[in-house]
Amino acid sequence: MFKQKVHIKGFSFEPKNRGFEQNNATEMDRIYGGDTYTLTEEGVEGIGNNVTLEFDELDFTEKGTTKLMICGNSSIDKNTIHVHFSGDKEDTNQIVEFNQTDGYEVKVFSIDKITGVQKVSFIFLPGSKFDFAWFRFE
């Protein structure tokens, strides 16, 4: 509410680019497969047998990304996570291994360079037991 007359000459909106922002696991575009996971305030917890979380249209621009930060908790020795990138030109799959922790912890992984707009899928194999809070690419 204004007390004086105002003139607004236009609006412009820019779409949000999630490519280099912190993305909460609970803000996935889709989750499917398996029957073992629970959505909580902390994240997606108890991820097990063949669960996939998909995030659409992350734009890594021409600059690209070579690092992936994941905040999670692994109650077992090692959780193998397949990170699948699906873009206009090609699909690639990269593997990161999140070792056991005593609670939520941030781990940084080096990945092969990814550029452009991608759908990113985090795929958890049978035997996984993982709590996923958030991720960010750098």
C-alpha atoms as a PDB file:
ATOM      1  CA  MET A   1       0.000   0.000   0.000  1.00  0.00           C
ATOM      2  CA  PHE A   2       1.340   3.418  -0.979  1.00  0.00           C
ATOM      3  CA  LYS A   3       0.310   6.808   0.390  1.00  0.00           C
ATOM      4  CA  GLN A   4       1.280   8.533  -2.839  1.00  0.00           C
ATOM      5  CA  LYS A   5       0.594   7.861  -6.471  1.00  0.00           C
ATOM      6  CA  VAL A   6       3.191   5.610  -8.160  1.00  0.00           C
ATOM      7  CA  HIS A   7       3.823   4.617 -11.755  1.00  0.00           C
ATOM      8  CA  ILE A   8       5.233   1.187 -12.496  1.00  0.00           C
ATOM      9  CA  LYS A   9       6.537   0.942 -16.021  1.00  0.00           C
ATOM     10  CA  GLY A  10       6.781  -2.816 -16.254  1.00  0.00           C
ATOM     11  CA  PHE A  11       7.873  -6.099 -14.774  1.00  0.00           C
ATOM     12  CA  SER A  12      10.369  -8.677 -15.861  1.00  0.00           C
ATOM     13  CA  PHE A  13      10.879 -12.135 -14.479  1.00  0.00           C
ATOM     14  CA  GLU A  14      13.875 -14.398 -14.905  1.00  0.00           C
ATOM     15  CA  PRO A  15      13.550 -18.130 -14.454  1.00  0.00           C
ATOM     16  CA  LYS A  16      15.471 -19.470 -11.475  1.00  0.00           C
ATOM     17  CA  ASN A  17      18.497 -21.572 -12.410  1.00  0.00           C
ATOM     18  CA  ARG A  18      18.983 -24.413  -9.923  1.00  0.00           C
ATOM     19  CA  GLY A  19      22.236 -25.487 -11.587  1.00  0.00           C
ATOM     20  CA  PHE A  20      24.609 -23.858  -9.096  1.00  0.00           C
ATOM     21  CA  GLU A  21      22.281 -23.416  -6.114  1.00  0.00           C
ATOM     22  CA  GLN A  22      21.804 -25.596  -3.076  1.00  0.00           C
ATOM     23  CA  ASN A  23      18.927 -27.958  -3.880  1.00  0.00           C
ATOM     24  CA  ASN A  24      17.053 -29.711  -1.098  1.00  0.00           C
ATOM     25  CA  ALA A  25      16.434 -33.389  -1.784  1.00  0.00           C
ATOM     26  CA  THR A  26      12.766 -32.894  -0.871  1.00  0.00           C
ATOM     27  CA  GLU A  27      12.391 -30.420  -3.769  1.00  0.00           C
ATOM     28  CA  MET A  28      12.924 -33.116  -6.406  1.00  0.00           C
ATOM     29  CA  ASP A  29      10.736 -33.070  -9.502  1.00  0.00           C
ATOM     30  CA  ARG A  30      10.105 -36.812  -9.215  1.00  0.00           C
ATOM     31  CA  ILE A  31      10.906 -39.690  -6.890  1.00  0.00           C
ATOM     32  CA  TYR A  32      10.222 -43.284  -7.874  1.00  0.00           C
ATOM     33  CA  GLY A  33      11.306 -46.885  -7.647  1.00  0.00           C
ATOM     34  CA  GLY A  34      11.765 -49.038  -4.623  1.00  0.00           C
ATOM     35  CA  ASP A  35       9.541 -48.687  -1.625  1.00  0.00           C
ATOM     36  CA  THR A  36      12.073 -47.581   0.951  1.00  0.00           C
ATOM     37  CA  TYR A  37      12.265 -43.873   1.694  1.00  0.00           C
ATOM     38  CA  THR A  38      10.617 -41.323   3.963  1.00  0.00           C
ATOM     39  CA  LEU A  39      10.128 -37.601   3.317  1.00  0.00           C
ATOM     40  CA  THR A  40      11.007 -35.614   6.453  1.00  0.00           C
ATOM     41  CA  GLU A  41      11.852 -32.022   7.327  1.00  0.00           C
ATOM     42  CA  GLU A  42      15.555 -32.951   7.117  1.00  0.00           C
ATOM     43  CA  GLY A  43      15.356 -34.531   3.663  1.00  0.00           C
ATOM     44  CA  VAL A  44      14.639 -37.865   2.055  1.00  0.00           C
ATOM     45  CA  GLU A  45      15.635 -40.444   4.659  1.00  0.00           C
ATOM     46  CA  GLY A  46      16.081 -44.181   4.696  1.00  0.00           C
ATOM     47  CA  ILE A  47      16.649 -44.338   0.935  1.00  0.00           C
ATOM     48  CA  GLY A  48      17.025 -47.954  -0.082  1.00  0.00           C
ATOM     49  CA  ASN A  49      16.315 -50.384  -2.878  1.00  0.00           C
ATOM     50  CA  ASN A  50      16.405 -48.777  -6.359  1.00  0.00           C
ATOM     51  CA  VAL A  51      15.150 -45.286  -5.449  1.00  0.00           C
ATOM     52  CA  THR A  52      15.658 -42.480  -7.997  1.00  0.00           C
ATOM     53  CA  LEU A  53      15.365 -38.728  -7.356  1.00  0.00           C
ATOM     54  CA  GLU A  54      15.106 -36.548 -10.489  1.00  0.00           C
ATOM     55  CA  PHE A  55      15.791 -32.826 -10.842  1.00  0.00           C
ATOM     56  CA  ASP A  56      14.809 -31.227 -14.165  1.00  0.00           C
ATOM     57  CA  GLU A  57      16.484 -28.409 -16.102  1.00  0.00           C
ATOM     58  CA  LEU A  58      19.627 -27.658 -14.131  1.00  0.00           C
ATOM     59  CA  ASP A  59      21.636 -25.277 -16.334  1.00  0.00           C
ATOM     60  CA  PHE A  60      25.392 -25.613 -15.920  1.00  0.00           C
ATOM     61  CA  THR A  61      25.977 -23.069 -18.726  1.00  0.00           C
ATOM     62  CA  GLU A  62      29.041 -23.246 -20.980  1.00  0.00           C
ATOM     63  CA  LYS A  63      31.238 -22.828 -17.885  1.00  0.00           C
ATOM     64  CA  GLY A  64      30.149 -26.224 -16.591  1.00  0.00           C
ATOM     65  CA  THR A  65      30.645 -27.995 -13.301  1.00  0.00           C
ATOM     66  CA  THR A  66      33.303 -30.379 -11.997  1.00  0.00           C
ATOM     67  CA  LYS A  67      32.354 -30.656  -8.311  1.00  0.00           C
ATOM     68  CA  LEU A  68      29.342 -32.075  -6.524  1.00  0.00           C
ATOM     69  CA  MET A  69      28.647 -31.417  -2.843  1.00  0.00           C
ATOM     70  CA  ILE A  70      26.223 -33.754  -1.079  1.00  0.00           C
ATOM     71  CA  CYS A  71      24.907 -33.335   2.453  1.00  0.00           C
ATOM     72  CA  GLY A  72      23.835 -36.735   3.687  1.00  0.00           C
ATOM     73  CA  ASN A  73      24.115 -39.459   6.272  1.00  0.00           C
ATOM     74  CA  SER A  74      25.240 -43.008   5.631  1.00  0.00           C
ATOM     75  CA  SER A  75      24.674 -45.529   8.407  1.00  0.00           C
ATOM     76  CA  ILE A  76      26.400 -48.261   6.390  1.00  0.00           C
ATOM     77  CA  ASP A  77      30.041 -48.541   5.294  1.00  0.00           C
ATOM     78  CA  LYS A  78      29.494 -47.151   1.782  1.00  0.00           C
ATOM     79  CA  ASN A  79      26.542 -45.932  -0.299  1.00  0.00           C
ATOM     80  CA  THR A  80      27.190 -45.968  -4.032  1.00  0.00           C
ATOM     81  CA  ILE A  81      25.204 -43.238  -5.797  1.00  0.00           C
ATOM     82  CA  HIS A  82      24.857 -43.139  -9.573  1.00  0.00           C
ATOM     83  CA  VAL A  83      24.488 -39.549 -10.786  1.00  0.00           C
ATOM     84  CA  HIS A  84      22.912 -39.619 -14.241  1.00  0.00           C
ATOM     85  CA  PHE A  85      23.004 -36.522 -16.474  1.00  0.00           C
ATOM     86  CA  SER A  86      20.599 -36.367 -19.412  1.00  0.00           C
ATOM     87  CA  GLY A  87      21.054 -33.474 -21.846  1.00  0.00           C
ATOM     88  CA  ASP A  88      20.335 -32.563 -25.450  1.00  0.00           C
ATOM     89  CA  LYS A  89      23.623 -33.948 -26.769  1.00  0.00           C
ATOM     90  CA  GLU A  90      24.329 -36.998 -24.610  1.00  0.00           C
ATOM     91  CA  ASP A  91      23.619 -38.920 -21.439  1.00  0.00           C
ATOM     92  CA  THR A  92      26.388 -39.626 -18.940  1.00  0.00           C
ATOM     93  CA  ASN A  93      26.558 -41.586 -15.727  1.00  0.00           C
ATOM     94  CA  GLN A  94      28.995 -40.864 -12.928  1.00  0.00           C
ATOM     95  CA  ILE A  95      29.455 -42.692  -9.648  1.00  0.00           C
ATOM     96  CA  VAL A  96      30.162 -41.227  -6.207  1.00  0.00           C
ATOM     97  CA  GLU A  97      30.637 -43.201  -3.006  1.00  0.00           C
ATOM     98  CA  PHE A  98      29.394 -41.691   0.244  1.00  0.00           C
ATOM     99  CA  ASN A  99      31.203 -43.352   3.159  1.00  0.00           C
ATOM    100  CA  GLN A 100      29.723 -43.968   6.608  1.00  0.00           C
ATOM    101  CA  THR A 101      29.028 -40.965   8.857  1.00  0.00           C
ATOM    102  CA  ASP A 102      27.766 -40.419  12.409  1.00  0.00           C
ATOM    103  CA  GLY A 103      25.179 -37.883  11.267  1.00  0.00           C
ATOM    104  CA  TYR A 104      24.560 -35.471   8.423  1.00  0.00           C
ATOM    105  CA  GLU A 105      27.834 -34.449   6.806  1.00  0.00           C
ATOM    106  CA  VAL A 106      28.844 -32.557   3.633  1.00  0.00           C
ATOM    107  CA  LYS A 107      31.156 -34.401   1.251  1.00  0.00           C
ATOM    108  CA  VAL A 108      32.684 -33.004  -1.959  1.00  0.00           C
ATOM    109  CA  PHE A 109      33.146 -35.204  -5.039  1.00  0.00           C
ATOM    110  CA  SER A 110      35.076 -34.490  -8.233  1.00  0.00           C
ATOM    111  CA  ILE A 111      33.103 -35.316 -11.371  1.00  0.00           C
ATOM    112  CA  ASP A 112      33.804 -35.158 -15.089  1.00  0.00           C
ATOM    113  CA  LYS A 113      32.864 -31.765 -16.542  1.00  0.00           C
ATOM    114  CA  ILE A 114      29.167 -31.319 -17.331  1.00  0.00           C
ATOM    115  CA  THR A 115      27.835 -28.334 -19.322  1.00  0.00           C
ATOM    116  CA  GLY A 116      24.477 -27.083 -20.576  1.00  0.00           C
ATOM    117  CA  VAL A 117      20.948 -27.895 -19.449  1.00  0.00           C
ATOM    118  CA  GLN A 118      20.642 -31.320 -17.840  1.00  0.00           C
ATOM    119  CA  LYS A 119      18.136 -33.516 -16.053  1.00  0.00           C
ATOM    120  CA  VAL A 120      20.025 -34.880 -13.039  1.00  0.00           C
ATOM    121  CA  SER A 121      19.027 -38.199 -11.473  1.00  0.00           C
ATOM    122  CA  PHE A 122      20.416 -39.611  -8.237  1.00  0.00           C
ATOM    123  CA  ILE A 123      20.039 -43.391  -8.403  1.00  0.00           C
ATOM    124  CA  PHE A 124      20.467 -45.524  -5.264  1.00  0.00           C
ATOM    125  CA  LEU A 125      21.233 -49.217  -5.701  1.00  0.00           C
ATOM    126  CA  PRO A 126      19.866 -52.188  -3.751  1.00  0.00           C
ATOM    127  CA  GLY A 127      21.488 -52.325  -0.341  1.00  0.00           C
ATOM    128  CA  SER A 128      21.589 -48.526   0.035  1.00  0.00           C
ATOM    129  CA  LYS A 129      20.640 -46.946   3.346  1.00  0.00           C
ATOM    130  CA  PHE A 130      21.060 -43.218   2.894  1.00  0.00           C
ATOM    131  CA  ASP A 131      19.619 -39.993   4.278  1.00  0.00           C
ATOM    132  CA  PHE A 132      19.795 -37.215   1.652  1.00  0.00           C
ATOM    133  CA  ALA A 133      19.460 -33.572   2.783  1.00  0.00           C
ATOM    134  CA  TRP A 134      20.743 -31.472  -0.162  1.00  0.00           C
ATOM    135  CA  PHE A 135      23.251 -31.146  -2.988  1.00  0.00           C
ATOM    136  CA  ARG A 136      25.033 -28.361  -4.883  1.00  0.00           C
ATOM    137  CA  PHE A 137      27.221 -28.277  -7.977  1.00  0.00           C
ATOM    138  CA  GLU A 138      30.254 -25.985  -8.268  1.00  0.00           C
END
